[in-house]
Amino acid sequence: MTEREEYERYGHLTRLGWDLHARGIAVSLVMPVAGDPVLEMLGKNGTELLIAAEVSA
């Protein structure tokens, strides 16, 4: 993955996180040391939901 693709992936997740936050949904952007960034949120029943971005060419 190129540096630009990594930047775009982070940007997509950040924008989605802000949009969800503006609608009252609590989310966290998780940036692991090894691996891809994900948005993390909890469902109403306590189920953890992880959202990853995919950048297409």
PDB file of N, CA and C in Angstrom:
ATOM      1  N   MET A   1       0.854  -1.167   0.000  1.00  0.00           N
ATOM      2  CA  MET A   1       0.000   0.000   0.000  1.00  0.00           C
ATOM      3  C   MET A   1       0.905   1.237   0.000  1.00  0.00           C
ATOM      4  N   THR A   2       0.555   2.184  -0.846  1.00  0.00           N
ATOM      5  CA  THR A   2       1.354   3.403  -0.931  1.00  0.00           C
ATOM      6  C   THR A   2       1.031   4.349   0.222  1.00  0.00           C
ATOM      7  N   GLU A   3       1.888   5.324   0.418  1.00  0.00           N
ATOM      8  CA  GLU A   3       1.665   6.307   1.475  1.00  0.00           C
ATOM      9  C   GLU A   3       0.375   7.091   1.225  1.00  0.00           C
ATOM     10  N   ARG A   4       0.086   7.394  -0.035  1.00  0.00           N
ATOM     11  CA  ARG A   4      -1.141   8.116  -0.380  1.00  0.00           C
ATOM     12  C   ARG A   4      -2.382   7.292  -0.035  1.00  0.00           C
ATOM     13  N   GLU A   5      -2.347   6.000  -0.319  1.00  0.00           N
ATOM     14  CA  GLU A   5      -3.481   5.131   0.000  1.00  0.00           C
ATOM     15  C   GLU A   5      -3.702   5.062   1.512  1.00  0.00           C
ATOM     16  N   GLU A   6      -2.615   5.002   2.273  1.00  0.00           N
ATOM     17  CA  GLU A   6      -2.737   4.988   3.728  1.00  0.00           C
ATOM     18  C   GLU A   6      -3.361   6.289   4.216  1.00  0.00           C
ATOM     19  N   TYR A   7      -2.941   7.418   3.647  1.00  0.00           N
ATOM     20  CA  TYR A   7      -3.485   8.721   4.018  1.00  0.00           C
ATOM     21  C   TYR A   7      -4.979   8.799   3.687  1.00  0.00           C
ATOM     22  N   GLU A   8      -5.364   8.324   2.495  1.00  0.00           N
ATOM     23  CA  GLU A   8      -6.772   8.326   2.092  1.00  0.00           C
ATOM     24  C   GLU A   8      -7.612   7.437   3.004  1.00  0.00           C
ATOM     25  N   ARG A   9      -7.097   6.293   3.360  1.00  0.00           N
ATOM     26  CA  ARG A   9      -7.816   5.368   4.245  1.00  0.00           C
ATOM     27  C   ARG A   9      -8.067   6.029   5.600  1.00  0.00           C
ATOM     28  N   TYR A  10      -7.048   6.672   6.152  1.00  0.00           N
ATOM     29  CA  TYR A  10      -7.186   7.381   7.422  1.00  0.00           C
ATOM     30  C   TYR A  10      -8.196   8.519   7.289  1.00  0.00           C
ATOM     31  N   GLY A  11      -8.127   9.266   6.182  1.00  0.00           N
ATOM     32  CA  GLY A  11      -9.050  10.378   5.945  1.00  0.00           C
ATOM     33  C   GLY A  11     -10.497   9.927   5.862  1.00  0.00           C
ATOM     34  N   HIS A  12     -10.754   8.821   5.185  1.00  0.00           N
ATOM     35  CA  HIS A  12     -12.127   8.293   5.074  1.00  0.00           C
ATOM     36  C   HIS A  12     -12.676   7.932   6.448  1.00  0.00           C
ATOM     37  N   LEU A  13     -11.866   7.251   7.236  1.00  0.00           N
ATOM     38  CA  LEU A  13     -12.321   6.848   8.567  1.00  0.00           C
ATOM     39  C   LEU A  13     -12.553   8.057   9.467  1.00  0.00           C
ATOM     40  N   THR A  14     -11.680   9.045   9.361  1.00  0.00           N
ATOM     41  CA  THR A  14     -11.829  10.250  10.183  1.00  0.00           C
ATOM     42  C   THR A  14     -13.116  10.984   9.842  1.00  0.00           C
ATOM     43  N   ARG A  15     -13.392  11.174   8.552  1.00  0.00           N
ATOM     44  CA  ARG A  15     -14.627  11.860   8.135  1.00  0.00           C
ATOM     45  C   ARG A  15     -15.864  11.077   8.569  1.00  0.00           C
ATOM     46  N   LEU A  16     -15.847   9.765   8.399  1.00  0.00           N
ATOM     47  CA  LEU A  16     -16.982   8.949   8.818  1.00  0.00           C
ATOM     48  C   LEU A  16     -17.176   9.048  10.333  1.00  0.00           C
ATOM     49  N   GLY A  17     -16.068   9.009  11.079  1.00  0.00           N
ATOM     50  CA  GLY A  17     -16.150   9.139  12.525  1.00  0.00           C
ATOM     51  C   GLY A  17     -16.788  10.452  12.950  1.00  0.00           C
ATOM     52  N   TRP A  18     -16.412  11.556  12.315  1.00  0.00           N
ATOM     53  CA  TRP A  18     -16.996  12.858  12.638  1.00  0.00           C
ATOM     54  C   TRP A  18     -18.472  12.901  12.265  1.00  0.00           C
ATOM     55  N   ASP A  19     -18.834  12.320  11.127  1.00  0.00           N
ATOM     56  CA  ASP A  19     -20.242  12.289  10.720  1.00  0.00           C
ATOM     57  C   ASP A  19     -21.088  11.494  11.716  1.00  0.00           C
ATOM     58  N   LEU A  20     -20.591  10.345  12.139  1.00  0.00           N
ATOM     59  CA  LEU A  20     -21.319   9.536  13.117  1.00  0.00           C
ATOM     60  C   LEU A  20     -21.413  10.267  14.457  1.00  0.00           C
ATOM     61  N   HIS A  21     -20.321  10.905  14.856  1.00  0.00           N
ATOM     62  CA  HIS A  21     -20.310  11.670  16.106  1.00  0.00           C
ATOM     63  C   HIS A  21     -21.340  12.801  16.062  1.00  0.00           C
ATOM     64  N   ALA A  22     -21.444  13.476  14.925  1.00  0.00           N
ATOM     65  CA  ALA A  22     -22.410  14.568  14.773  1.00  0.00           C
ATOM     66  C   ALA A  22     -23.847  14.073  14.892  1.00  0.00           C
ATOM     67  N   ARG A  23     -24.050  12.778  14.633  1.00  0.00           N
ATOM     68  CA  ARG A  23     -25.387  12.184  14.739  1.00  0.00           C
ATOM     69  C   ARG A  23     -25.607  11.529  16.102  1.00  0.00           C
ATOM     70  N   GLY A  24     -24.686  11.759  17.016  1.00  0.00           N
ATOM     71  CA  GLY A  24     -24.857  11.265  18.376  1.00  0.00           C
ATOM     72  C   GLY A  24     -24.366   9.850  18.624  1.00  0.00           C
ATOM     73  N   ILE A  25     -23.594   9.306  17.705  1.00  0.00           N
ATOM     74  CA  ILE A  25     -23.078   7.942  17.851  1.00  0.00           C
ATOM     75  C   ILE A  25     -21.641   8.020  18.353  1.00  0.00           C
ATOM     76  N   ALA A  26     -21.360   7.343  19.445  1.00  0.00           N
ATOM     77  CA  ALA A  26     -20.013   7.347  20.019  1.00  0.00           C
ATOM     78  C   ALA A  26     -19.124   6.365  19.259  1.00  0.00           C
ATOM     79  N   VAL A  27     -18.040   6.883  18.714  1.00  0.00           N
ATOM     80  CA  VAL A  27     -17.069   6.056  17.988  1.00  0.00           C
ATOM     81  C   VAL A  27     -15.665   6.421  18.446  1.00  0.00           C
ATOM     82  N   SER A  28     -14.742   5.502  18.242  1.00  0.00           N
ATOM     83  CA  SER A  28     -13.327   5.738  18.530  1.00  0.00           C
ATOM     84  C   SER A  28     -12.525   5.331  17.311  1.00  0.00           C
ATOM     85  N   LEU A  29     -11.547   6.144  16.947  1.00  0.00           N
ATOM     86  CA  LEU A  29     -10.628   5.785  15.874  1.00  0.00           C
ATOM     87  C   LEU A  29      -9.464   5.046  16.515  1.00  0.00           C
ATOM     88  N   VAL A  30      -9.295   3.788  16.158  1.00  0.00           N
ATOM     89  CA  VAL A  30      -8.252   2.939  16.733  1.00  0.00           C
ATOM     90  C   VAL A  30      -7.096   2.867  15.738  1.00  0.00           C
ATOM     91  N   MET A  31      -5.911   3.265  16.209  1.00  0.00           N
ATOM     92  CA  MET A  31      -4.707   3.265  15.378  1.00  0.00           C
ATOM     93  C   MET A  31      -3.708   2.271  15.977  1.00  0.00           C
ATOM     94  N   PRO A  32      -3.810   0.990  15.617  1.00  0.00           N
ATOM     95  CA  PRO A  32      -2.903  -0.001  16.194  1.00  0.00           C
ATOM     96  C   PRO A  32      -1.466   0.182  15.689  1.00  0.00           C
ATOM     97  N   VAL A  33      -0.510  -0.247  16.482  1.00  0.00           N
ATOM     98  CA  VAL A  33       0.890  -0.158  16.085  1.00  0.00           C
ATOM     99  C   VAL A  33       1.123  -0.996  14.832  1.00  0.00           C
ATOM    100  N   ALA A  34       0.572  -2.191  14.821  1.00  0.00           N
ATOM    101  CA  ALA A  34       0.662  -3.065  13.653  1.00  0.00           C
ATOM    102  C   ALA A  34      -0.752  -3.340  13.164  1.00  0.00           C
ATOM    103  N   GLY A  35      -1.020  -3.050  11.910  1.00  0.00           N
ATOM    104  CA  GLY A  35      -2.349  -3.281  11.370  1.00  0.00           C
ATOM    105  C   GLY A  35      -2.968  -1.998  10.853  1.00  0.00           C
ATOM    106  N   ASP A  36      -4.190  -2.121  10.415  1.00  0.00           N
ATOM    107  CA  ASP A  36      -4.902  -1.008   9.790  1.00  0.00           C
ATOM    108  C   ASP A  36      -5.765  -0.262  10.794  1.00  0.00           C
ATOM    109  N   PRO A  37      -5.949   1.049  10.577  1.00  0.00           N
ATOM    110  CA  PRO A  37      -6.841   1.806  11.459  1.00  0.00           C
ATOM    111  C   PRO A  37      -8.290   1.376  11.259  1.00  0.00           C
ATOM    112  N   VAL A  38      -9.077   1.419  12.317  1.00  0.00           N
ATOM    113  CA  VAL A  38     -10.496   1.073  12.255  1.00  0.00           C
ATOM    114  C   VAL A  38     -11.282   2.027  13.142  1.00  0.00           C
ATOM    115  N   LEU A  39     -12.553   2.190  12.826  1.00  0.00           N
ATOM    116  CA  LEU A  39     -13.475   2.870  13.723  1.00  0.00           C
ATOM    117  C   LEU A  39     -14.110   1.804  14.589  1.00  0.00           C
ATOM    118  N   GLU A  40     -14.213   2.081  15.863  1.00  0.00           N
ATOM    119  CA  GLU A  40     -14.791   1.120  16.801  1.00  0.00           C
ATOM    120  C   GLU A  40     -16.028   1.754  17.434  1.00  0.00           C
ATOM    121  N   MET A  41     -17.111   1.005  17.469  1.00  0.00           N
ATOM    122  CA  MET A  41     -18.318   1.475  18.140  1.00  0.00           C
ATOM    123  C   MET A  41     -19.021   0.290  18.768  1.00  0.00           C
ATOM    124  N   LEU A  42     -19.857   0.568  19.743  1.00  0.00           N
ATOM    125  CA  LEU A  42     -20.616  -0.478  20.411  1.00  0.00           C
ATOM    126  C   LEU A  42     -22.075  -0.400  19.986  1.00  0.00           C
ATOM    127  N   GLY A  43     -22.643  -1.542  19.665  1.00  0.00           N
ATOM    128  CA  GLY A  43     -24.062  -1.610  19.342  1.00  0.00           C
ATOM    129  C   GLY A  43     -24.898  -1.507  20.602  1.00  0.00           C
ATOM    130  N   LYS A  44     -26.190  -1.368  20.424  1.00  0.00           N
ATOM    131  CA  LYS A  44     -27.087  -1.227  21.572  1.00  0.00           C
ATOM    132  C   LYS A  44     -27.041  -2.434  22.491  1.00  0.00           C
ATOM    133  N   ASN A  45     -26.764  -3.605  21.940  1.00  0.00           N
ATOM    134  CA  ASN A  45     -26.715  -4.820  22.762  1.00  0.00           C
ATOM    135  C   ASN A  45     -25.305  -5.114  23.276  1.00  0.00           C
ATOM    136  N   GLY A  46     -24.374  -4.151  23.105  1.00  0.00           N
ATOM    137  CA  GLY A  46     -23.013  -4.317  23.597  1.00  0.00           C
ATOM    138  C   GLY A  46     -22.062  -4.974  22.617  1.00  0.00           C
ATOM    139  N   THR A  47     -22.541  -5.305  21.429  1.00  0.00           N
ATOM    140  CA  THR A  47     -21.701  -5.916  20.412  1.00  0.00           C
ATOM    141  C   THR A  47     -20.720  -4.888  19.864  1.00  0.00           C
ATOM    142  N   GLU A  48     -19.453  -5.269  19.791  1.00  0.00           N
ATOM    143  CA  GLU A  48     -18.422  -4.384  19.259  1.00  0.00           C
ATOM    144  C   GLU A  48     -18.451  -4.437  17.730  1.00  0.00           C
ATOM    145  N   LEU A  49     -18.447  -3.269  17.107  1.00  0.00           N
ATOM    146  CA  LEU A  49     -18.460  -3.165  15.653  1.00  0.00           C
ATOM    147  C   LEU A  49     -17.201  -2.445  15.220  1.00  0.00           C
ATOM    148  N   LEU A  50     -16.430  -3.058  14.313  1.00  0.00           N
ATOM    149  CA  LEU A  50     -15.218  -2.455  13.779  1.00  0.00           C
ATOM    150  C   LEU A  50     -15.456  -2.127  12.306  1.00  0.00           C
ATOM    151  N   ILE A  51     -15.128  -0.896  11.918  1.00  0.00           N
ATOM    152  CA  ILE A  51     -15.329  -0.436  10.545  1.00  0.00           C
ATOM    153  C   ILE A  51     -13.973  -0.106   9.962  1.00  0.00           C
ATOM    154  N   ALA A  52     -13.631  -0.741   8.840  1.00  0.00           N
ATOM    155  CA  ALA A  52     -12.368  -0.493   8.158  1.00  0.00           C
ATOM    156  C   ALA A  52     -12.631   0.170   6.811  1.00  0.00           C
ATOM    157  N   ALA A  53     -11.696   0.954   6.340  1.00  0.00           N
ATOM    158  CA  ALA A  53     -11.834   1.622   5.036  1.00  0.00           C
ATOM    159  C   ALA A  53     -11.043   0.862   3.989  1.00  0.00           C
ATOM    160  N   GLU A  54     -11.578   0.812   2.795  1.00  0.00           N
ATOM    161  CA  GLU A  54     -10.882   0.205   1.656  1.00  0.00           C
ATOM    162  C   GLU A  54     -10.791   1.276   0.581  1.00  0.00           C
ATOM    163  N   VAL A  55      -9.587   1.535   0.116  1.00  0.00           N
ATOM    164  CA  VAL A  55      -9.361   2.547  -0.911  1.00  0.00           C
ATOM    165  C   VAL A  55      -9.184   1.832  -2.231  1.00  0.00           C
ATOM    166  N   SER A  56     -10.005   2.192  -3.212  1.00  0.00           N
ATOM    167  CA  SER A  56      -9.895   1.571  -4.531  1.00  0.00           C
ATOM    168  C   SER A  56      -9.243   2.557  -5.506  1.00  0.00           C
ATOM    169  N   ALA A  57      -8.554   2.017  -6.453  1.00  0.00           N
ATOM    170  CA  ALA A  57      -7.824   2.852  -7.429  1.00  0.00           C
ATOM    171  C   ALA A  57      -8.741   3.460  -8.450  1.00  0.00           C
TER     172      ALA A  57
END
